[in-house]
Amino acid sequence: MDKLHIILEAGYWVQVTPLSRLNPDKWLAAIYKRGRTGWITQNCKLEFLTPEDAYNWAFEEVFSKINREEK
C-alpha cells in the first residue's frame, strides 16, 4: 500500500488487468500520469504471466520516472 501512496502523491497510477478473452492467463500493466483534466497513459506492457510480475514492472518504471523528475 505504501508504494501506491507514493506514486499517487507523485501524480502516477498503475493498473493491472487480465489481457482479455484471447489470453485470459496473461496480464497487462498500464502506467498513468495525472494531467490537467484527467489521467494520461504514459506506458503499458502486455503479456505478463502473473499480476505480481505486472505490478513489479510498473512500480519499477514509475519509481524510475519519479527519480528522473526529482533530478
PDB file of N, CA and C in Angstrom:
ATOM      1  N   MET A   1       0.813  -1.198   0.000  1.00  0.00           N
ATOM      2  CA  MET A   1       0.000   0.000   0.000  1.00  0.00           C
ATOM      3  C   MET A   1       0.851   1.255   0.000  1.00  0.00           C
ATOM      4  N   ASP A   2       2.005   1.201   0.655  1.00  0.00           N
ATOM      5  CA  ASP A   2       2.857   2.383   0.706  1.00  0.00           C
ATOM      6  C   ASP A   2       3.290   2.818  -0.688  1.00  0.00           C
ATOM      7  N   LYS A   3       3.594   1.852  -1.558  1.00  0.00           N
ATOM      8  CA  LYS A   3       4.000   2.189  -2.923  1.00  0.00           C
ATOM      9  C   LYS A   3       2.895   2.945  -3.648  1.00  0.00           C
ATOM     10  N   LEU A   4       1.651   2.519  -3.440  1.00  0.00           N
ATOM     11  CA  LEU A   4       0.526   3.194  -4.096  1.00  0.00           C
ATOM     12  C   LEU A   4       0.406   4.639  -3.638  1.00  0.00           C
ATOM     13  N   HIS A   5       0.587   4.888  -2.350  1.00  0.00           N
ATOM     14  CA  HIS A   5       0.504   6.252  -1.832  1.00  0.00           C
ATOM     15  C   HIS A   5       1.632   7.122  -2.399  1.00  0.00           C
ATOM     16  N   ILE A   6       2.817   6.564  -2.494  1.00  0.00           N
ATOM     17  CA  ILE A   6       3.961   7.319  -3.017  1.00  0.00           C
ATOM     18  C   ILE A   6       3.734   7.704  -4.474  1.00  0.00           C
ATOM     19  N   ILE A   7       3.318   6.736  -5.294  1.00  0.00           N
ATOM     20  CA  ILE A   7       3.147   7.075  -6.712  1.00  0.00           C
ATOM     21  C   ILE A   7       1.959   8.002  -6.924  1.00  0.00           C
ATOM     22  N   LEU A   8       0.909   7.845  -6.128  1.00  0.00           N
ATOM     23  CA  LEU A   8      -0.250   8.737  -6.266  1.00  0.00           C
ATOM     24  C   LEU A   8       0.125  10.169  -5.898  1.00  0.00           C
ATOM     25  N   GLU A   9       0.891  10.354  -4.841  1.00  0.00           N
ATOM     26  CA  GLU A   9       1.340  11.694  -4.460  1.00  0.00           C
ATOM     27  C   GLU A   9       2.226  12.313  -5.543  1.00  0.00           C
ATOM     28  N   ALA A  10       2.949  11.472  -6.290  1.00  0.00           N
ATOM     29  CA  ALA A  10       3.805  11.957  -7.369  1.00  0.00           C
ATOM     30  C   ALA A  10       3.028  12.157  -8.663  1.00  0.00           C
ATOM     31  N   GLY A  11       1.731  11.817  -8.667  1.00  0.00           N
ATOM     32  CA  GLY A  11       0.899  12.034  -9.845  1.00  0.00           C
ATOM     33  C   GLY A  11       0.832  10.863 -10.801  1.00  0.00           C
ATOM     34  N   TYR A  12       1.108   9.664 -10.311  1.00  0.00           N
ATOM     35  CA  TYR A  12       1.058   8.468 -11.154  1.00  0.00           C
ATOM     36  C   TYR A  12       0.060   7.465 -10.603  1.00  0.00           C
ATOM     37  N   TRP A  13      -0.375   6.560 -11.474  1.00  0.00           N
ATOM     38  CA  TRP A  13      -1.225   5.456 -11.058  1.00  0.00           C
ATOM     39  C   TRP A  13      -0.881   4.243 -11.911  1.00  0.00           C
ATOM     40  N   VAL A  14      -1.062   3.043 -11.350  1.00  0.00           N
ATOM     41  CA  VAL A  14      -0.783   1.785 -12.032  1.00  0.00           C
ATOM     42  C   VAL A  14      -2.065   0.974 -12.086  1.00  0.00           C
ATOM     43  N   GLN A  15      -2.313   0.368 -13.247  1.00  0.00           N
ATOM     44  CA  GLN A  15      -3.467  -0.513 -13.401  1.00  0.00           C
ATOM     45  C   GLN A  15      -2.977  -1.843 -13.966  1.00  0.00           C
ATOM     46  N   VAL A  16      -3.395  -2.935 -13.366  1.00  0.00           N
ATOM     47  CA  VAL A  16      -3.086  -4.274 -13.868  1.00  0.00           C
ATOM     48  C   VAL A  16      -4.409  -4.985 -14.100  1.00  0.00           C
ATOM     49  N   THR A  17      -4.539  -5.604 -15.276  1.00  0.00           N
ATOM     50  CA  THR A  17      -5.797  -6.243 -15.639  1.00  0.00           C
ATOM     51  C   THR A  17      -5.528  -7.479 -16.500  1.00  0.00           C
ATOM     52  N   PRO A  18      -6.443  -8.445 -16.500  1.00  0.00           N
ATOM     53  CA  PRO A  18      -6.278  -9.593 -17.405  1.00  0.00           C
ATOM     54  C   PRO A  18      -6.290  -9.107 -18.854  1.00  0.00           C
ATOM     55  N   LEU A  19      -5.591  -9.822 -19.719  1.00  0.00           N
ATOM     56  CA  LEU A  19      -5.396  -9.364 -21.091  1.00  0.00           C
ATOM     57  C   LEU A  19      -6.646  -9.454 -21.947  1.00  0.00           C
ATOM     58  N   SER A  20      -7.594 -10.266 -21.662  1.00  0.00           N
ATOM     59  CA  SER A  20      -8.877 -10.367 -22.353  1.00  0.00           C
ATOM     60  C   SER A  20      -9.218 -11.830 -22.563  1.00  0.00           C
ATOM     61  N   ARG A  21     -10.250 -12.040 -23.321  1.00  0.00           N
ATOM     62  CA  ARG A  21     -10.680 -13.415 -23.576  1.00  0.00           C
ATOM     63  C   ARG A  21      -9.663 -14.189 -24.400  1.00  0.00           C
ATOM     64  N   LEU A  22      -8.880 -13.494 -25.219  1.00  0.00           N
ATOM     65  CA  LEU A  22      -7.915 -14.186 -26.077  1.00  0.00           C
ATOM     66  C   LEU A  22      -6.797 -14.839 -25.277  1.00  0.00           C
ATOM     67  N   ASN A  23      -6.309 -14.159 -24.261  1.00  0.00           N
ATOM     68  CA  ASN A  23      -5.240 -14.676 -23.406  1.00  0.00           C
ATOM     69  C   ASN A  23      -5.587 -14.423 -21.939  1.00  0.00           C
ATOM     70  N   PRO A  24      -6.579 -15.118 -21.398  1.00  0.00           N
ATOM     71  CA  PRO A  24      -7.022 -14.806 -20.024  1.00  0.00           C
ATOM     72  C   PRO A  24      -5.986 -15.121 -18.957  1.00  0.00           C
ATOM     73  N   ASP A  25      -4.956 -15.882 -19.302  1.00  0.00           N
ATOM     74  CA  ASP A  25      -3.926 -16.214 -18.321  1.00  0.00           C
ATOM     75  C   ASP A  25      -2.753 -15.242 -18.355  1.00  0.00           C
ATOM     76  N   LYS A  26      -2.855 -14.202 -19.162  1.00  0.00           N
ATOM     77  CA  LYS A  26      -1.785 -13.208 -19.238  1.00  0.00           C
ATOM     78  C   LYS A  26      -2.335 -11.868 -18.754  1.00  0.00           C
ATOM     79  N   TRP A  27      -1.403 -10.964 -18.382  1.00  0.00           N
ATOM     80  CA  TRP A  27      -1.793  -9.719 -17.719  1.00  0.00           C
ATOM     81  C   TRP A  27      -1.195  -8.512 -18.425  1.00  0.00           C
ATOM     82  N   LEU A  28      -1.895  -7.396 -18.332  1.00  0.00           N
ATOM     83  CA  LEU A  28      -1.500  -6.111 -18.913  1.00  0.00           C
ATOM     84  C   LEU A  28      -1.237  -5.132 -17.775  1.00  0.00           C
ATOM     85  N   ALA A  29      -0.157  -4.370 -17.879  1.00  0.00           N
ATOM     86  CA  ALA A  29       0.127  -3.312 -16.904  1.00  0.00           C
ATOM     87  C   ALA A  29       0.119  -1.974 -17.627  1.00  0.00           C
ATOM     88  N   ALA A  30      -0.548  -0.996 -17.049  1.00  0.00           N
ATOM     89  CA  ALA A  30      -0.592   0.351 -17.615  1.00  0.00           C
ATOM     90  C   ALA A  30      -0.178   1.356 -16.543  1.00  0.00           C
ATOM     91  N   ILE A  31       0.571   2.372 -16.993  1.00  0.00           N
ATOM     92  CA  ILE A  31       1.016   3.446 -16.106  1.00  0.00           C
ATOM     93  C   ILE A  31       0.348   4.736 -16.577  1.00  0.00           C
ATOM     94  N   TYR A  32      -0.283   5.440 -15.651  1.00  0.00           N
ATOM     95  CA  TYR A  32      -0.959   6.696 -15.955  1.00  0.00           C
ATOM     96  C   TYR A  32      -0.304   7.837 -15.184  1.00  0.00           C
ATOM     97  N   LYS A  33      -0.339   9.023 -15.794  1.00  0.00           N
ATOM     98  CA  LYS A  33       0.129  10.238 -15.125  1.00  0.00           C
ATOM     99  C   LYS A  33      -1.029  11.220 -15.087  1.00  0.00           C
ATOM    100  N   ARG A  34      -1.180  11.874 -13.946  1.00  0.00           N
ATOM    101  CA  ARG A  34      -2.275  12.844 -13.784  1.00  0.00           C
ATOM    102  C   ARG A  34      -1.999  14.057 -14.664  1.00  0.00           C
ATOM    103  N   GLY A  35      -2.985  14.414 -15.463  1.00  0.00           N
ATOM    104  CA  GLY A  35      -2.899  15.605 -16.297  1.00  0.00           C
ATOM    105  C   GLY A  35      -3.812  16.686 -15.754  1.00  0.00           C
ATOM    106  N   ARG A  36      -3.972  17.735 -16.515  1.00  0.00           N
ATOM    107  CA  ARG A  36      -4.837  18.847 -16.066  1.00  0.00           C
ATOM    108  C   ARG A  36      -6.299  18.449 -15.965  1.00  0.00           C
ATOM    109  N   THR A  37      -6.747  17.621 -16.909  1.00  0.00           N
ATOM    110  CA  THR A  37      -8.170  17.281 -16.933  1.00  0.00           C
ATOM    111  C   THR A  37      -8.445  15.800 -16.732  1.00  0.00           C
ATOM    112  N   GLY A  38      -7.415  15.011 -16.484  1.00  0.00           N
ATOM    113  CA  GLY A  38      -7.636  13.580 -16.288  1.00  0.00           C
ATOM    114  C   GLY A  38      -6.319  12.831 -16.284  1.00  0.00           C
ATOM    115  N   TRP A  39      -6.408  11.537 -16.452  1.00  0.00           N
ATOM    116  CA  TRP A  39      -5.230  10.672 -16.419  1.00  0.00           C
ATOM    117  C   TRP A  39      -4.791  10.353 -17.839  1.00  0.00           C
ATOM    118  N   ILE A  40      -3.489  10.431 -18.093  1.00  0.00           N
ATOM    119  CA  ILE A  40      -2.915  10.205 -19.416  1.00  0.00           C
ATOM    120  C   ILE A  40      -2.058   8.943 -19.365  1.00  0.00           C
ATOM    121  N   THR A  41      -2.263   8.044 -20.313  1.00  0.00           N
ATOM    122  CA  THR A  41      -1.464   6.825 -20.369  1.00  0.00           C
ATOM    123  C   THR A  41      -0.030   7.181 -20.712  1.00  0.00           C
ATOM    124  N   GLN A  42       0.897   6.757 -19.868  1.00  0.00           N
ATOM    125  CA  GLN A  42       2.325   7.010 -20.074  1.00  0.00           C
ATOM    126  C   GLN A  42       3.023   5.825 -20.716  1.00  0.00           C
ATOM    127  N   ASN A  43       2.625   4.627 -20.329  1.00  0.00           N
ATOM    128  CA  ASN A  43       3.300   3.432 -20.805  1.00  0.00           C
ATOM    129  C   ASN A  43       2.418   2.232 -20.506  1.00  0.00           C
ATOM    130  N   CYS A  44       2.552   1.193 -21.300  1.00  0.00           N
ATOM    131  CA  CYS A  44       1.879  -0.060 -20.989  1.00  0.00           C
ATOM    132  C   CYS A  44       2.703  -1.213 -21.549  1.00  0.00           C
ATOM    133  N   LYS A  45       2.504  -2.365 -20.976  1.00  0.00           N
ATOM    134  CA  LYS A  45       3.225  -3.555 -21.405  1.00  0.00           C
ATOM    135  C   LYS A  45       2.286  -4.747 -21.266  1.00  0.00           C
ATOM    136  N   LEU A  46       2.337  -5.623 -22.243  1.00  0.00           N
ATOM    137  CA  LEU A  46       1.425  -6.762 -22.313  1.00  0.00           C
ATOM    138  C   LEU A  46       2.097  -8.064 -21.919  1.00  0.00           C
ATOM    139  N   GLU A  47       1.245  -9.044 -21.685  1.00  0.00           N
ATOM    140  CA  GLU A  47       1.614 -10.452 -21.583  1.00  0.00           C
ATOM    141  C   GLU A  47       2.515 -10.827 -20.413  1.00  0.00           C
ATOM    142  N   PHE A  48       2.246 -10.288 -19.247  1.00  0.00           N
ATOM    143  CA  PHE A  48       2.902 -10.771 -18.037  1.00  0.00           C
ATOM    144  C   PHE A  48       2.243 -12.087 -17.648  1.00  0.00           C
ATOM    145  N   LEU A  49       3.001 -12.971 -17.049  1.00  0.00           N
ATOM    146  CA  LEU A  49       2.457 -14.272 -16.666  1.00  0.00           C
ATOM    147  C   LEU A  49       1.675 -14.224 -15.364  1.00  0.00           C
ATOM    148  N   THR A  50       1.994 -13.243 -14.497  1.00  0.00           N
ATOM    149  CA  THR A  50       1.265 -13.105 -13.234  1.00  0.00           C
ATOM    150  C   THR A  50       0.987 -11.622 -12.985  1.00  0.00           C
ATOM    151  N   PRO A  51      -0.044 -11.311 -12.201  1.00  0.00           N
ATOM    152  CA  PRO A  51      -0.294  -9.917 -11.856  1.00  0.00           C
ATOM    153  C   PRO A  51       0.868  -9.328 -11.058  1.00  0.00           C
ATOM    154  N   GLU A  52       1.508 -10.148 -10.236  1.00  0.00           N
ATOM    155  CA  GLU A  52       2.640  -9.669  -9.449  1.00  0.00           C
ATOM    156  C   GLU A  52       3.781  -9.197 -10.358  1.00  0.00           C
ATOM    157  N   ASP A  53       4.069  -9.951 -11.418  1.00  0.00           N
ATOM    158  CA  ASP A  53       5.100  -9.531 -12.380  1.00  0.00           C
ATOM    159  C   ASP A  53       4.734  -8.190 -13.015  1.00  0.00           C
ATOM    160  N   ALA A  54       3.456  -8.036 -13.339  1.00  0.00           N
ATOM    161  CA  ALA A  54       2.994  -6.795 -13.965  1.00  0.00           C
ATOM    162  C   ALA A  54       3.156  -5.612 -13.006  1.00  0.00           C
ATOM    163  N   TYR A  55       2.736  -5.777 -11.757  1.00  0.00           N
ATOM    164  CA  TYR A  55       2.883  -4.705 -10.775  1.00  0.00           C
ATOM    165  C   TYR A  55       4.356  -4.383 -10.521  1.00  0.00           C
ATOM    166  N   ASN A  56       5.193  -5.397 -10.415  1.00  0.00           N
ATOM    167  CA  ASN A  56       6.619  -5.153 -10.185  1.00  0.00           C
ATOM    168  C   ASN A  56       7.235  -4.341 -11.311  1.00  0.00           C
ATOM    169  N   TRP A  57       6.937  -4.686 -12.555  1.00  0.00           N
ATOM    170  CA  TRP A  57       7.440  -3.930 -13.699  1.00  0.00           C
ATOM    171  C   TRP A  57       6.950  -2.473 -13.629  1.00  0.00           C
ATOM    172  N   ALA A  58       5.646  -2.301 -13.388  1.00  0.00           N
ATOM    173  CA  ALA A  58       5.057  -0.964 -13.377  1.00  0.00           C
ATOM    174  C   ALA A  58       5.648  -0.092 -12.277  1.00  0.00           C
ATOM    175  N   PHE A  59       5.791  -0.642 -11.078  1.00  0.00           N
ATOM    176  CA  PHE A  59       6.356   0.152  -9.983  1.00  0.00           C
ATOM    177  C   PHE A  59       7.803   0.534 -10.266  1.00  0.00           C
ATOM    178  N   GLU A  60       8.583  -0.383 -10.841  1.00  0.00           N
ATOM    179  CA  GLU A  60       9.966  -0.040 -11.203  1.00  0.00           C
ATOM    180  C   GLU A  60       9.993   1.106 -12.210  1.00  0.00           C
ATOM    181  N   GLU A  61       9.115   1.057 -13.207  1.00  0.00           N
ATOM    182  CA  GLU A  61       9.036   2.121 -14.207  1.00  0.00           C
ATOM    183  C   GLU A  61       8.651   3.457 -13.578  1.00  0.00           C
ATOM    184  N   VAL A  62       7.641   3.443 -12.720  1.00  0.00           N
ATOM    185  CA  VAL A  62       7.169   4.685 -12.101  1.00  0.00           C
ATOM    186  C   VAL A  62       8.237   5.275 -11.189  1.00  0.00           C
ATOM    187  N   PHE A  63       8.856   4.459 -10.348  1.00  0.00           N
ATOM    188  CA  PHE A  63       9.889   4.988  -9.460  1.00  0.00           C
ATOM    189  C   PHE A  63      11.080   5.518 -10.244  1.00  0.00           C
ATOM    190  N   SER A  64      11.378   4.913 -11.379  1.00  0.00           N
ATOM    191  CA  SER A  64      12.433   5.426 -12.246  1.00  0.00           C
ATOM    192  C   SER A  64      12.047   6.813 -12.782  1.00  0.00           C
ATOM    193  N   LYS A  65      10.794   6.965 -13.204  1.00  0.00           N
ATOM    194  CA  LYS A  65      10.314   8.267 -13.691  1.00  0.00           C
ATOM    195  C   LYS A  65      10.345   9.318 -12.582  1.00  0.00           C
ATOM    196  N   ILE A  66       9.912   8.936 -11.384  1.00  0.00           N
ATOM    197  CA  ILE A  66       9.909   9.876 -10.256  1.00  0.00           C
ATOM    198  C   ILE A  66      11.328  10.333  -9.951  1.00  0.00           C
ATOM    199  N   ASN A  67      12.267   9.396  -9.929  1.00  0.00           N
ATOM    200  CA  ASN A  67      13.666   9.739  -9.641  1.00  0.00           C
ATOM    201  C   ASN A  67      14.241  10.669 -10.711  1.00  0.00           C
ATOM    202  N   ARG A  68      13.895  10.469 -11.963  1.00  0.00           N
ATOM    203  CA  ARG A  68      14.365  11.370 -13.037  1.00  0.00           C
ATOM    204  C   ARG A  68      13.787  12.764 -12.884  1.00  0.00           C
ATOM    205  N   GLU A  69      12.508  12.837 -12.486  1.00  0.00           N
ATOM    206  CA  GLU A  69      11.850  14.137 -12.312  1.00  0.00           C
ATOM    207  C   GLU A  69      12.450  14.918 -11.152  1.00  0.00           C
ATOM    208  N   GLU A  70      12.915  14.221 -10.129  1.00  0.00           N
ATOM    209  CA  GLU A  70      13.480  14.895  -8.956  1.00  0.00           C
ATOM    210  C   GLU A  70      14.852  15.477  -9.230  1.00  0.00           C
ATOM    211  N   LYS A  71      15.545  14.988 -10.240  1.00  0.00           N
ATOM    212  CA  LYS A  71      16.919  15.474 -10.530  1.00  0.00           C
ATOM    213  C   LYS A  71      16.911  16.739 -11.319  1.00  0.00           C
TER     214      LYS A  71
END
